[in-house]
Amino acid sequence: MKSDPEIHAQTTFSALRKDRVSQFAVWIGAMRLRTLPLALSGVGMGNLLALQAESFDGFTAAASLATAALLQVLSNLANDLGDYEHGADGIHRLGPLRAVGSGAISAADMRIAVRLLVFFSIAAGLALLYRAQSVVGMGVWIMLGVGLSATWAAIRYTMGKQPYGYAGWGDAAVWLFFGPIAVLGTSYLHSGHLDWPWILPAMGLGCFSTAVLNLNNLRDREGDARVGKRTQVVRMGQTGGLYYHSFLIGLGVGSLWGYAFWVGDPTLFVAWLPPGTFLLSALPRLYRIRNAPEFDPWLGRTAGLAFLFVIIFFLWLLMQ
């Protein structure tokens, strides 16, 4: 039989291990890893466009994906902390429970995590630019500015005294950084040049990312208005927000289908037909939603279908 000290030690060890596992799960939840497919869609498309143009570099692809993932996690943690500081994660919140707002992670610990993510994001970005400098030449300085701007945007969406997300500029930032900058910037780092048709998939993925943010804002409209967060949906109202969402989805699908027509291979258009058709056919269902939490499942579906466009494009390239 075990002695009392042995039993006590074993019980204490089990409790500590359980607590560490629980805390690890809290941090994983705060990182919101389910958002990574959407964050990687634009960069992934940029890598694939470089592959299509026969200017693909493996290290550039890996570093760009790592940088995008780190920036997305940074944005999620900063958003968790920023919304807590501005009172947007109160008892009336309809979305998933936030780590700092629920007390699972302290604000001090989250600030440390944000600083660490800033460091790792910049380090990954510098490694990417170091590799690409032989291709882009002096353009590396422009891309350095773009990278620092992306880091700033990830932090200041909800953090600080005047976060731009609370002033209604989140949509523009998401479209720019998840669309043209992600797609065109990544392909430029591979090839050192830009082809004008690439703006079509860049616009399309930017629209899908903005549509996901818009769905989030449709869900949180009443709570955001209560704390002074003036998103586009708060400004336009639910009906206006749905019209805006329809515009984003229509432009996004049309842009990608337009690129398929430009490529001139009907196989790509046919392959892209199902996800685009689903996104368009789902619009009437969104107009019938009366309870704000019902918008939540559509965030994941829209993000998943945006990522599906990229996966299909990759498979299509493999067939060439």
Protein backbone atom coordinates (compact mmCIF):
# COMPACT_ATOMS: atom_id res chain seq x y z
CA MET A 1 0.00 0.00 0.00
CA LYS A 2 1.09 3.57 -0.67
CA SER A 3 1.88 5.81 2.25
CA ASP A 4 -0.06 9.02 2.88
CA PRO A 5 2.83 11.22 1.64
CA GLU A 6 3.01 9.20 -1.61
CA ILE A 7 -0.74 9.50 -2.15
CA HIS A 8 -0.60 13.24 -1.44
CA ALA A 9 2.32 13.74 -3.84
CA GLN A 10 0.57 11.77 -6.58
CA THR A 11 -2.67 13.73 -6.10
CA THR A 12 -0.79 17.05 -6.18
CA PHE A 13 1.07 16.06 -9.35
CA SER A 14 -2.17 15.02 -11.06
CA ALA A 15 -3.84 18.29 -10.08
CA LEU A 16 -0.91 20.33 -11.43
CA ARG A 17 -0.86 18.38 -14.66
CA LYS A 18 -4.61 18.85 -15.10
CA ASP A 19 -4.26 22.57 -14.40
CA ARG A 20 -1.49 22.92 -16.99
CA VAL A 21 -3.50 21.06 -19.61
CA SER A 22 -6.51 23.24 -18.85
CA GLN A 23 -4.46 26.44 -19.11
CA PHE A 24 -2.91 25.25 -22.37
CA ALA A 25 -6.41 24.65 -23.74
CA VAL A 26 -7.43 28.16 -22.70
CA TRP A 27 -4.51 29.67 -24.62
CA ILE A 28 -5.27 27.55 -27.68
CA GLY A 29 -8.86 28.74 -27.53
CA ALA A 30 -7.74 32.37 -27.22
CA MET A 31 -5.60 31.98 -30.34
CA ARG A 32 -8.75 31.05 -32.29
CA LEU A 33 -6.92 28.68 -34.61
CA ARG A 34 -10.12 28.12 -36.58
CA THR A 35 -9.44 31.52 -38.20
CA LEU A 36 -6.13 30.35 -39.70
CA PRO A 37 -7.57 28.89 -42.95
CA LEU A 38 -8.99 32.29 -43.86
CA ALA A 39 -5.75 34.06 -42.90
CA LEU A 40 -3.74 31.61 -45.00
CA SER A 41 -6.04 31.79 -48.02
CA GLY A 42 -4.64 35.03 -49.45
CA VAL A 43 -1.00 34.12 -48.86
CA GLY A 44 -1.67 30.62 -50.16
CA MET A 45 -3.19 32.03 -53.34
CA GLY A 46 -0.17 34.31 -53.77
CA ASN A 47 2.16 31.32 -53.49
CA LEU A 48 0.11 29.39 -56.03
CA LEU A 49 0.07 32.29 -58.49
CA ALA A 50 3.87 32.29 -58.25
CA LEU A 51 3.84 28.56 -58.91
CA GLN A 52 1.62 29.12 -61.93
CA ALA A 53 4.07 31.76 -63.16
CA GLU A 54 7.00 29.35 -62.65
CA SER A 55 8.69 31.64 -60.12
CA PHE A 56 8.01 29.61 -56.96
CA ASP A 57 10.49 29.40 -54.07
CA GLY A 58 9.87 26.88 -51.28
CA PHE A 59 11.44 28.90 -48.46
CA THR A 60 9.50 32.02 -49.46
CA ALA A 61 6.29 30.02 -49.44
CA ALA A 62 6.94 28.51 -46.00
CA ALA A 63 8.06 31.82 -44.48
CA SER A 64 5.09 33.71 -45.90
CA LEU A 65 2.62 31.16 -44.51
CA ALA A 66 4.35 31.22 -41.11
CA THR A 67 4.29 35.03 -41.03
CA ALA A 68 0.61 35.12 -41.96
CA ALA A 69 -0.25 32.56 -39.27
CA LEU A 70 1.68 34.45 -36.59
CA LEU A 71 0.06 37.76 -37.57
CA GLN A 72 -3.39 36.17 -37.37
CA VAL A 73 -2.75 34.75 -33.91
CA LEU A 74 -1.33 38.14 -32.88
CA SER A 75 -4.48 39.82 -34.16
CA ASN A 76 -6.71 37.37 -32.28
CA LEU A 77 -4.91 37.83 -28.97
CA ALA A 78 -4.76 41.61 -29.37
CA ASN A 79 -8.45 41.64 -30.24
CA ASP A 80 -9.26 39.60 -27.13
CA LEU A 81 -7.38 42.07 -24.95
CA GLY A 82 -8.58 45.18 -26.78
CA ASP A 83 -12.28 44.29 -26.61
CA TYR A 84 -11.89 43.56 -22.91
CA GLU A 85 -10.28 46.95 -22.32
CA HIS A 86 -13.07 48.72 -24.19
CA GLY A 87 -15.90 46.81 -22.52
CA ALA A 88 -17.06 44.89 -25.61
CA ASP A 89 -16.82 41.49 -23.87
CA GLY A 90 -19.41 42.06 -21.20
CA ILE A 91 -22.34 39.90 -20.12
CA HIS A 92 -24.27 40.78 -23.29
CA ARG A 93 -21.68 39.27 -25.65
CA LEU A 94 -23.25 36.79 -28.10
CA GLY A 95 -20.13 35.31 -29.65
CA PRO A 96 -17.68 32.75 -28.23
CA LEU A 97 -16.41 33.44 -24.72
CA ARG A 98 -13.19 35.47 -24.70
CA ALA A 99 -10.20 34.53 -22.56
CA VAL A 100 -9.50 37.86 -20.84
CA GLY A 101 -13.13 38.89 -20.57
CA SER A 102 -14.00 35.60 -18.86
CA GLY A 103 -11.04 35.85 -16.48
CA ALA A 104 -9.39 32.68 -17.81
CA ILE A 105 -6.30 34.71 -18.77
CA SER A 106 -5.20 37.87 -17.01
CA ALA A 107 -4.80 41.10 -18.96
CA ALA A 108 -1.14 41.26 -17.87
CA ASP A 109 -0.41 37.77 -19.23
CA MET A 110 -2.18 38.60 -22.49
CA ARG A 111 -0.07 41.73 -22.93
CA ILE A 112 3.07 39.60 -22.56
CA ALA A 113 1.71 37.15 -25.16
CA VAL A 114 0.96 40.01 -27.57
CA ARG A 115 4.52 41.31 -27.23
CA LEU A 116 5.93 37.84 -27.87
CA LEU A 117 3.77 37.44 -30.97
CA VAL A 118 4.95 40.83 -32.24
CA PHE A 119 8.55 39.65 -31.86
CA PHE A 120 7.97 36.30 -33.62
CA SER A 121 5.90 37.89 -36.41
CA ILE A 122 8.61 40.46 -37.17
CA ALA A 123 11.32 37.78 -37.00
CA ALA A 124 9.46 35.58 -39.49
CA GLY A 125 8.81 38.56 -41.74
CA LEU A 126 12.48 39.60 -41.72
CA ALA A 127 13.52 36.05 -42.63
CA LEU A 128 11.06 36.19 -45.53
CA LEU A 129 12.40 39.54 -46.76
CA TYR A 130 16.02 38.40 -46.41
CA ARG A 131 15.28 35.48 -48.71
CA ALA A 132 13.37 37.64 -51.20
CA GLN A 133 15.83 40.56 -51.43
CA SER A 134 17.74 38.98 -54.31
CA VAL A 135 14.47 38.83 -56.27
CA VAL A 136 12.78 42.13 -55.43
CA GLY A 137 15.89 44.31 -55.01
CA MET A 138 15.06 47.73 -53.56
CA GLY A 139 11.43 46.66 -53.40
CA VAL A 140 12.36 44.89 -50.18
CA TRP A 141 12.09 48.24 -48.37
CA ILE A 142 8.55 48.72 -49.59
CA MET A 143 7.68 45.23 -48.44
CA LEU A 144 9.28 45.94 -45.06
CA GLY A 145 6.93 48.89 -44.69
CA VAL A 146 4.01 46.68 -45.69
CA GLY A 147 5.00 44.07 -43.10
CA LEU A 148 5.30 46.62 -40.31
CA SER A 149 1.95 48.09 -41.32
CA ALA A 150 0.38 44.64 -41.13
CA THR A 151 1.81 44.18 -37.63
CA TRP A 152 0.48 47.58 -36.57
CA ALA A 153 -2.94 46.75 -38.06
CA ALA A 154 -3.09 43.43 -36.21
CA ILE A 155 -2.55 45.20 -32.89
CA ARG A 156 -4.50 48.41 -33.32
CA TYR A 157 -7.75 46.88 -34.58
CA THR A 158 -9.17 46.99 -31.05
CA MET A 159 -6.19 47.94 -28.86
CA GLY A 160 -5.11 51.44 -27.88
CA LYS A 161 -6.92 54.68 -27.19
CA GLN A 162 -8.33 55.07 -30.71
CA PRO A 163 -8.57 51.59 -32.29
CA TYR A 164 -9.54 51.82 -35.93
CA GLY A 165 -11.95 48.87 -35.62
CA TYR A 166 -14.12 50.97 -33.30
CA ALA A 167 -14.20 53.77 -35.89
CA GLY A 168 -15.50 51.50 -38.65
CA TRP A 169 -12.25 51.00 -40.59
CA GLY A 170 -11.93 47.29 -39.90
CA ASP A 171 -13.56 46.28 -43.18
CA ALA A 172 -11.15 48.33 -45.29
CA ALA A 173 -8.13 46.98 -43.38
CA VAL A 174 -9.28 43.36 -43.69
CA TRP A 175 -9.95 43.70 -47.43
CA LEU A 176 -6.56 45.30 -48.02
CA PHE A 177 -4.39 43.02 -45.86
CA PHE A 178 -6.22 39.73 -46.52
CA GLY A 179 -6.72 40.46 -50.21
CA PRO A 180 -4.34 42.56 -52.35
CA ILE A 181 -1.46 42.71 -49.87
CA ALA A 182 -1.61 39.00 -49.01
CA VAL A 183 -2.05 37.77 -52.58
CA LEU A 184 -0.07 40.32 -54.59
CA GLY A 185 2.58 40.89 -51.93
CA THR A 186 3.33 37.18 -51.64
CA SER A 187 3.48 36.57 -55.39
CA TYR A 188 5.71 39.65 -55.75
CA LEU A 189 8.19 38.26 -53.20
CA HIS A 190 8.51 35.13 -55.36
CA SER A 191 8.78 36.74 -58.77
CA GLY A 192 9.74 40.40 -58.34
CA HIS A 193 6.89 41.49 -60.60
CA LEU A 194 3.09 41.62 -60.70
CA ASP A 195 0.69 40.46 -63.44
CA TRP A 196 -2.47 42.57 -63.61
CA PRO A 197 -4.90 39.57 -63.77
CA TRP A 198 -3.71 38.60 -60.28
CA ILE A 199 -5.80 41.47 -58.93
CA LEU A 200 -8.92 39.35 -59.57
CA PRO A 201 -8.19 36.56 -57.03
CA ALA A 202 -6.72 39.22 -54.72
CA MET A 203 -10.00 41.16 -54.80
CA GLY A 204 -12.04 37.98 -54.43
CA LEU A 205 -10.27 36.69 -51.32
CA GLY A 206 -10.27 40.17 -49.82
CA CYS A 207 -14.04 40.29 -50.26
CA PHE A 208 -14.53 36.88 -48.65
CA SER A 209 -12.42 37.89 -45.64
CA THR A 210 -14.38 41.12 -45.28
CA ALA A 211 -17.62 39.14 -45.57
CA VAL A 212 -16.54 36.96 -42.62
CA LEU A 213 -15.84 40.09 -40.57
CA ASN A 214 -19.23 41.46 -41.62
CA LEU A 215 -20.98 38.31 -40.40
CA ASN A 216 -19.16 38.69 -37.10
CA ASN A 217 -20.36 42.28 -36.89
CA LEU A 218 -23.92 41.29 -37.78
CA ARG A 219 -23.88 38.87 -34.86
CA ASP A 220 -22.40 41.45 -32.47
CA ARG A 221 -24.30 44.51 -33.76
CA GLU A 222 -26.28 45.31 -30.63
CA GLY A 223 -23.35 44.76 -28.26
CA ASP A 224 -21.00 46.80 -30.44
CA ALA A 225 -23.46 49.69 -30.57
CA ARG A 226 -23.79 49.57 -26.79
CA VAL A 227 -20.04 50.16 -26.25
CA GLY A 228 -19.57 52.66 -29.09
CA LYS A 229 -17.96 50.29 -31.59
CA ARG A 230 -19.09 51.89 -34.87
CA THR A 231 -18.70 49.00 -37.30
CA GLN A 232 -20.22 49.26 -40.76
CA VAL A 233 -23.13 47.10 -39.61
CA VAL A 234 -23.78 49.40 -36.65
CA ARG A 235 -23.82 52.33 -39.07
CA MET A 236 -26.02 50.64 -41.69
CA GLY A 237 -28.25 48.45 -39.53
CA GLN A 238 -28.91 44.75 -40.06
CA THR A 239 -30.70 45.14 -43.41
CA GLY A 240 -27.97 47.40 -44.76
CA GLY A 241 -25.36 45.00 -43.43
CA LEU A 242 -26.99 42.14 -45.32
CA TYR A 243 -27.06 44.14 -48.57
CA TYR A 244 -23.39 44.93 -47.99
CA HIS A 245 -22.69 41.23 -47.36
CA SER A 246 -24.41 40.29 -50.62
CA PHE A 247 -22.26 42.80 -52.47
CA LEU A 248 -19.07 41.35 -50.94
CA ILE A 249 -20.00 37.76 -51.77
CA GLY A 250 -21.13 38.68 -55.30
CA LEU A 251 -17.95 40.63 -56.03
CA GLY A 252 -15.78 37.93 -54.46
CA VAL A 253 -17.29 35.07 -56.44
CA GLY A 254 -17.40 37.15 -59.63
CA SER A 255 -13.72 38.08 -59.30
CA LEU A 256 -12.57 34.48 -58.92
CA TRP A 257 -14.80 33.24 -61.70
CA GLY A 258 -13.46 36.10 -63.81
CA TYR A 259 -9.91 34.89 -63.22
CA ALA A 260 -10.97 31.39 -64.27
CA PHE A 261 -12.27 32.83 -67.54
CA TRP A 262 -9.03 34.77 -68.03
CA VAL A 263 -6.99 31.58 -67.56
CA GLY A 264 -8.99 30.14 -70.43
CA ASP A 265 -9.33 26.63 -69.01
CA PRO A 266 -12.99 25.69 -68.43
CA THR A 267 -11.83 23.04 -65.94
CA LEU A 268 -10.94 25.70 -63.39
CA PHE A 269 -14.27 27.48 -63.79
CA VAL A 270 -16.18 24.22 -63.40
CA ALA A 271 -14.11 23.30 -60.33
CA TRP A 272 -14.78 26.73 -58.78
CA LEU A 273 -18.48 26.59 -59.62
CA PRO A 274 -19.68 24.63 -56.50
CA PRO A 275 -18.16 26.83 -53.74
CA GLY A 276 -19.20 29.99 -55.54
CA THR A 277 -22.72 28.73 -56.13
CA PHE A 278 -23.07 27.69 -52.49
CA LEU A 279 -21.97 31.13 -51.26
CA LEU A 280 -24.44 32.87 -53.55
CA SER A 281 -27.33 30.49 -52.85
CA ALA A 282 -26.84 30.90 -49.09
CA LEU A 283 -27.59 34.63 -49.19
CA PRO A 284 -31.40 34.29 -48.94
CA ARG A 285 -30.99 32.20 -45.77
CA LEU A 286 -29.04 34.99 -44.11
CA TYR A 287 -31.86 37.45 -44.82
CA ARG A 288 -34.25 35.17 -42.92
CA ILE A 289 -32.14 35.21 -39.72
CA ARG A 290 -33.89 36.93 -36.82
CA ASN A 291 -31.67 35.90 -33.88
CA ALA A 292 -28.16 37.34 -34.00
CA PRO A 293 -26.35 34.17 -32.75
CA GLU A 294 -27.60 32.35 -35.88
CA PHE A 295 -25.02 34.29 -37.91
CA ASP A 296 -22.18 32.57 -36.05
CA PRO A 297 -22.08 29.24 -37.98
CA TRP A 298 -21.85 31.14 -41.25
CA LEU A 299 -18.50 32.62 -40.27
CA GLY A 300 -16.85 29.21 -40.42
CA ARG A 301 -18.72 28.17 -43.55
CA THR A 302 -17.76 31.30 -45.45
CA ALA A 303 -14.12 31.09 -44.34
CA GLY A 304 -14.01 27.40 -45.23
CA LEU A 305 -15.39 28.00 -48.72
CA ALA A 306 -12.86 30.79 -49.30
CA PHE A 307 -10.09 28.35 -48.38
CA LEU A 308 -11.69 25.73 -50.64
CA PHE A 309 -11.19 28.03 -53.63
CA VAL A 310 -7.45 28.00 -52.88
CA ILE A 311 -7.33 24.22 -52.39
CA ILE A 312 -9.13 23.67 -55.69
CA PHE A 313 -6.73 26.03 -57.44
CA PHE A 314 -3.80 24.04 -56.03
CA LEU A 315 -5.28 20.77 -57.28
CA TRP A 316 -5.95 22.32 -60.67
CA LEU A 317 -2.30 23.40 -60.92
CA LEU A 318 -1.18 19.86 -60.10
CA MET A 319 -3.19 18.63 -63.08
CA GLN A 320 -1.48 20.98 -65.54
